[in-house]
Amino acid sequence: MKNIKNILKFNFLLRIFVLYFLFTSESLAEKNSFFSEGKDFFEKKQYKKAQILFERDIVFNPKNEDSYLYLAKIFNKDENGEESEINLRNVLLLNPQNDEALYLLTLLKIQQSNYEEAKELMDKFNIVCKSFCPKKSEMNEKFEKIVPENEKN
């Protein structure tokens, strides 16, 4: 009798463990799908749908720098520089060497004619530049347009 109770108890615990594992893995898969679905909508230029999915992804995975980066791109397209900057700074908090975020933030600061901050960001970009190095000349051309006269040599 005691042996049967132990078997039933073990069987019950095993079922709970299996159910917990199934729900947890389904939840993790759902979290990952928010980003991938958002990226699909972004590529289809359906930015509002993509924005919602990236924001959902951040709720479940606040350290996903890619979701912040895509949100920054969406806000940049909407010409919402303030929100774009917030998301780019979040990317750089998570990964200070993200050259794409540095590049986009530098362009934003150039667009805002913020010479000092743009210069500082360009220096950082030159140090960590990996995949966006070919964009350096484009960035330099735009930067030259905001350089104050007393800084030009």
C-alpha atoms as a PDB file:
ATOM      1  CA  MET A   1       0.000   0.000   0.000  1.00  0.00           C
ATOM      2  CA  LYS A   2       2.790   2.375   0.919  1.00  0.00           C
ATOM      3  CA  ASN A   3       4.599   1.520  -2.294  1.00  0.00           C
ATOM      4  CA  ILE A   4       1.518   2.382  -4.389  1.00  0.00           C
ATOM      5  CA  LYS A   5       1.230   5.783  -2.660  1.00  0.00           C
ATOM      6  CA  ASN A   6       4.864   6.517  -3.479  1.00  0.00           C
ATOM      7  CA  ILE A   7       4.310   5.542  -7.127  1.00  0.00           C
ATOM      8  CA  LEU A   8       1.208   7.750  -7.340  1.00  0.00           C
ATOM      9  CA  LYS A   9       3.060  10.623  -5.679  1.00  0.00           C
ATOM     10  CA  PHE A  10       5.982  10.247  -8.090  1.00  0.00           C
ATOM     11  CA  ASN A  11       3.600  10.025 -11.054  1.00  0.00           C
ATOM     12  CA  PHE A  12       1.817  13.211  -9.900  1.00  0.00           C
ATOM     13  CA  LEU A  13       5.103  15.116  -9.476  1.00  0.00           C
ATOM     14  CA  LEU A  14       6.311  13.910 -12.849  1.00  0.00           C
ATOM     15  CA  ARG A  15       3.133  15.196 -14.522  1.00  0.00           C
ATOM     16  CA  ILE A  16       3.515  18.592 -12.827  1.00  0.00           C
ATOM     17  CA  PHE A  17       7.119  18.793 -13.984  1.00  0.00           C
ATOM     18  CA  VAL A  18       6.185  17.900 -17.577  1.00  0.00           C
ATOM     19  CA  LEU A  19       3.361  20.457 -17.627  1.00  0.00           C
ATOM     20  CA  TYR A  20       5.645  23.125 -16.176  1.00  0.00           C
ATOM     21  CA  PHE A  21       8.290  22.360 -18.792  1.00  0.00           C
ATOM     22  CA  LEU A  22       5.748  22.534 -21.630  1.00  0.00           C
ATOM     23  CA  PHE A  23       4.345  25.890 -20.500  1.00  0.00           C
ATOM     24  CA  THR A  24       7.794  27.339 -19.896  1.00  0.00           C
ATOM     25  CA  SER A  25       9.156  26.273 -23.282  1.00  0.00           C
ATOM     26  CA  GLU A  26       6.005  27.567 -25.017  1.00  0.00           C
ATOM     27  CA  SER A  27       6.409  30.886 -23.214  1.00  0.00           C
ATOM     28  CA  LEU A  28      10.067  31.129 -24.257  1.00  0.00           C
ATOM     29  CA  ALA A  29       9.177  30.353 -27.846  1.00  0.00           C
ATOM     30  CA  GLU A  30       6.480  33.035 -27.757  1.00  0.00           C
ATOM     31  CA  LYS A  31       9.002  35.586 -26.457  1.00  0.00           C
ATOM     32  CA  ASN A  32      11.368  34.828 -29.319  1.00  0.00           C
ATOM     33  CA  SER A  33       8.584  34.989 -31.864  1.00  0.00           C
ATOM     34  CA  PHE A  34       7.735  38.605 -30.962  1.00  0.00           C
ATOM     35  CA  PHE A  35      11.123  39.749 -32.240  1.00  0.00           C
ATOM     36  CA  SER A  36      11.140  37.589 -35.364  1.00  0.00           C
ATOM     37  CA  GLU A  37       7.557  38.560 -36.260  1.00  0.00           C
ATOM     38  CA  GLY A  38       8.408  42.209 -35.638  1.00  0.00           C
ATOM     39  CA  LYS A  39      11.404  41.939 -37.915  1.00  0.00           C
ATOM     40  CA  ASP A  40       9.224  40.402 -40.635  1.00  0.00           C
ATOM     41  CA  PHE A  41       6.740  43.286 -40.387  1.00  0.00           C
ATOM     42  CA  PHE A  42       9.626  45.789 -40.390  1.00  0.00           C
ATOM     43  CA  GLU A  43      11.009  44.309 -43.597  1.00  0.00           C
ATOM     44  CA  LYS A  44       7.522  44.547 -45.125  1.00  0.00           C
ATOM     45  CA  LYS A  45       7.459  48.239 -44.078  1.00  0.00           C
ATOM     46  CA  GLN A  46       4.531  47.642 -41.734  1.00  0.00           C
ATOM     47  CA  TYR A  47       6.105  49.746 -39.016  1.00  0.00           C
ATOM     48  CA  LYS A  48       3.181  50.111 -36.582  1.00  0.00           C
ATOM     49  CA  LYS A  49       2.702  46.337 -36.355  1.00  0.00           C
ATOM     50  CA  ALA A  50       6.459  45.870 -36.018  1.00  0.00           C
ATOM     51  CA  GLN A  51       6.627  48.497 -33.277  1.00  0.00           C
ATOM     52  CA  ILE A  52       4.006  46.710 -31.198  1.00  0.00           C
ATOM     53  CA  LEU A  53       5.841  43.396 -31.491  1.00  0.00           C
ATOM     54  CA  PHE A  54       9.238  44.895 -30.624  1.00  0.00           C
ATOM     55  CA  GLU A  55       7.700  46.568 -27.577  1.00  0.00           C
ATOM     56  CA  ARG A  56       6.178  43.232 -26.524  1.00  0.00           C
ATOM     57  CA  ASP A  57       9.552  41.566 -26.965  1.00  0.00           C
ATOM     58  CA  ILE A  58      11.140  44.151 -24.687  1.00  0.00           C
ATOM     59  CA  VAL A  59       8.530  43.438 -21.999  1.00  0.00           C
ATOM     60  CA  PHE A  60       9.564  39.774 -21.959  1.00  0.00           C
ATOM     61  CA  ASN A  61      13.233  40.301 -22.799  1.00  0.00           C
ATOM     62  CA  PRO A  62      14.382  43.768 -21.683  1.00  0.00           C
ATOM     63  CA  LYS A  63      17.985  42.990 -22.626  1.00  0.00           C
ATOM     64  CA  ASN A  64      17.303  42.384 -26.325  1.00  0.00           C
ATOM     65  CA  GLU A  65      19.297  45.185 -27.889  1.00  0.00           C
ATOM     66  CA  ASP A  66      17.976  44.294 -31.342  1.00  0.00           C
ATOM     67  CA  SER A  67      14.390  45.181 -30.392  1.00  0.00           C
ATOM     68  CA  TYR A  68      15.535  48.582 -29.137  1.00  0.00           C
ATOM     69  CA  LEU A  69      17.528  49.097 -32.328  1.00  0.00           C
ATOM     70  CA  TYR A  70      14.574  48.319 -34.569  1.00  0.00           C
ATOM     71  CA  LEU A  71      12.332  50.582 -32.478  1.00  0.00           C
ATOM     72  CA  ALA A  72      14.879  53.368 -32.939  1.00  0.00           C
ATOM     73  CA  LYS A  73      14.775  52.816 -36.698  1.00  0.00           C
ATOM     74  CA  ILE A  74      10.975  52.966 -36.676  1.00  0.00           C
ATOM     75  CA  PHE A  75      10.943  56.190 -34.657  1.00  0.00           C
ATOM     76  CA  ASN A  76      13.598  57.623 -36.952  1.00  0.00           C
ATOM     77  CA  LYS A  77      11.367  56.916 -39.955  1.00  0.00           C
ATOM     78  CA  ASP A  78       8.503  58.642 -38.114  1.00  0.00           C
ATOM     79  CA  GLU A  79      10.869  61.579 -37.523  1.00  0.00           C
ATOM     80  CA  ASN A  80      10.531  61.151 -33.766  1.00  0.00           C
ATOM     81  CA  GLY A  81      14.114  61.932 -32.822  1.00  0.00           C
ATOM     82  CA  GLU A  82      13.484  61.915 -29.092  1.00  0.00           C
ATOM     83  CA  GLU A  83      12.111  58.350 -29.021  1.00  0.00           C
ATOM     84  CA  SER A  84      14.739  57.219 -31.495  1.00  0.00           C
ATOM     85  CA  GLU A  85      17.485  58.600 -29.255  1.00  0.00           C
ATOM     86  CA  ILE A  86      16.027  56.923 -26.155  1.00  0.00           C
ATOM     87  CA  ASN A  87      16.055  53.540 -27.874  1.00  0.00           C
ATOM     88  CA  LEU A  88      19.543  54.030 -29.325  1.00  0.00           C
ATOM     89  CA  ARG A  89      20.864  54.930 -25.882  1.00  0.00           C
ATOM     90  CA  ASN A  90      19.230  51.757 -24.516  1.00  0.00           C
ATOM     91  CA  VAL A  91      21.086  49.749 -27.154  1.00  0.00           C
ATOM     92  CA  LEU A  92      24.355  51.397 -26.145  1.00  0.00           C
ATOM     93  CA  LEU A  93      23.668  50.745 -22.464  1.00  0.00           C
ATOM     94  CA  LEU A  94      23.280  47.052 -23.256  1.00  0.00           C
ATOM     95  CA  ASN A  95      26.151  46.964 -25.738  1.00  0.00           C
ATOM     96  CA  PRO A  96      28.436  50.027 -25.847  1.00  0.00           C
ATOM     97  CA  GLN A  97      30.195  48.601 -28.903  1.00  0.00           C
ATOM     98  CA  ASN A  98      27.133  48.347 -31.132  1.00  0.00           C
ATOM     99  CA  ASP A  99      28.469  50.238 -34.138  1.00  0.00           C
ATOM    100  CA  GLU A 100      25.093  50.491 -35.881  1.00  0.00           C
ATOM    101  CA  ALA A 101      23.553  52.219 -32.839  1.00  0.00           C
ATOM    102  CA  LEU A 102      26.559  54.550 -32.596  1.00  0.00           C
ATOM    103  CA  TYR A 103      26.265  55.328 -36.293  1.00  0.00           C
ATOM    104  CA  LEU A 104      22.526  56.072 -36.088  1.00  0.00           C
ATOM    105  CA  LEU A 105      22.893  58.153 -32.926  1.00  0.00           C
ATOM    106  CA  THR A 106      25.739  60.122 -34.507  1.00  0.00           C
ATOM    107  CA  LEU A 107      23.604  60.839 -37.577  1.00  0.00           C
ATOM    108  CA  LEU A 108      20.780  61.947 -35.292  1.00  0.00           C
ATOM    109  CA  LYS A 109      23.087  64.336 -33.427  1.00  0.00           C
ATOM    110  CA  ILE A 110      24.415  65.686 -36.735  1.00  0.00           C
ATOM    111  CA  GLN A 111      20.826  66.214 -37.890  1.00  0.00           C
ATOM    112  CA  GLN A 112      20.173  68.105 -34.641  1.00  0.00           C
ATOM    113  CA  SER A 113      23.367  70.148 -35.281  1.00  0.00           C
ATOM    114  CA  ASN A 114      24.796  69.024 -31.953  1.00  0.00           C
ATOM    115  CA  TYR A 115      28.469  69.357 -32.859  1.00  0.00           C
ATOM    116  CA  GLU A 116      30.026  68.424 -29.514  1.00  0.00           C
ATOM    117  CA  GLU A 117      28.035  65.249 -28.979  1.00  0.00           C
ATOM    118  CA  ALA A 118      28.354  64.229 -32.639  1.00  0.00           C
ATOM    119  CA  LYS A 119      32.144  64.635 -32.421  1.00  0.00           C
ATOM    120  CA  GLU A 120      32.287  62.534 -29.243  1.00  0.00           C
ATOM    121  CA  LEU A 121      30.125  59.812 -30.799  1.00  0.00           C
ATOM    122  CA  MET A 122      32.242  59.804 -33.972  1.00  0.00           C
ATOM    123  CA  ASP A 123      35.350  59.204 -31.873  1.00  0.00           C
ATOM    124  CA  LYS A 124      33.653  56.220 -30.191  1.00  0.00           C
ATOM    125  CA  PHE A 125      32.428  54.971 -33.558  1.00  0.00           C
ATOM    126  CA  ASN A 126      35.964  55.065 -34.991  1.00  0.00           C
ATOM    127  CA  ILE A 127      37.143  52.860 -32.129  1.00  0.00           C
ATOM    128  CA  VAL A 128      34.429  50.174 -32.305  1.00  0.00           C
ATOM    129  CA  CYS A 129      33.544  50.324 -36.004  1.00  0.00           C
ATOM    130  CA  LYS A 130      33.056  46.835 -37.467  1.00  0.00           C
ATOM    131  CA  SER A 131      30.249  46.314 -39.917  1.00  0.00           C
ATOM    132  CA  PHE A 132      29.438  49.989 -40.441  1.00  0.00           C
ATOM    133  CA  CYS A 133      32.961  51.197 -41.299  1.00  0.00           C
ATOM    134  CA  PRO A 134      32.029  51.807 -44.957  1.00  0.00           C
ATOM    135  CA  LYS A 135      29.475  54.367 -43.729  1.00  0.00           C
ATOM    136  CA  LYS A 136      32.232  56.382 -42.055  1.00  0.00           C
ATOM    137  CA  SER A 137      32.848  58.631 -45.069  1.00  0.00           C
ATOM    138  CA  GLU A 138      29.126  59.421 -45.413  1.00  0.00           C
ATOM    139  CA  MET A 139      29.012  60.318 -41.730  1.00  0.00           C
ATOM    140  CA  ASN A 140      32.128  62.495 -42.044  1.00  0.00           C
ATOM    141  CA  GLU A 141      30.603  64.415 -44.961  1.00  0.00           C
ATOM    142  CA  LYS A 142      27.474  65.178 -42.965  1.00  0.00           C
ATOM    143  CA  PHE A 143      29.540  66.094 -39.921  1.00  0.00           C
ATOM    144  CA  GLU A 144      31.652  68.586 -41.879  1.00  0.00           C
ATOM    145  CA  LYS A 145      28.498  70.595 -42.566  1.00  0.00           C
ATOM    146  CA  ILE A 146      27.991  71.332 -38.854  1.00  0.00           C
ATOM    147  CA  VAL A 147      31.602  71.977 -37.845  1.00  0.00           C
ATOM    148  CA  PRO A 148      31.877  75.507 -36.418  1.00  0.00           C
ATOM    149  CA  GLU A 149      34.144  77.925 -38.323  1.00  0.00           C
ATOM    150  CA  ASN A 150      36.609  78.178 -35.412  1.00  0.00           C
ATOM    151  CA  GLU A 151      37.060  74.366 -35.471  1.00  0.00           C
ATOM    152  CA  LYS A 152      37.844  74.095 -39.184  1.00  0.00           C
ATOM    153  CA  ASN A 153      41.537  73.851 -40.090  1.00  0.00           C
END
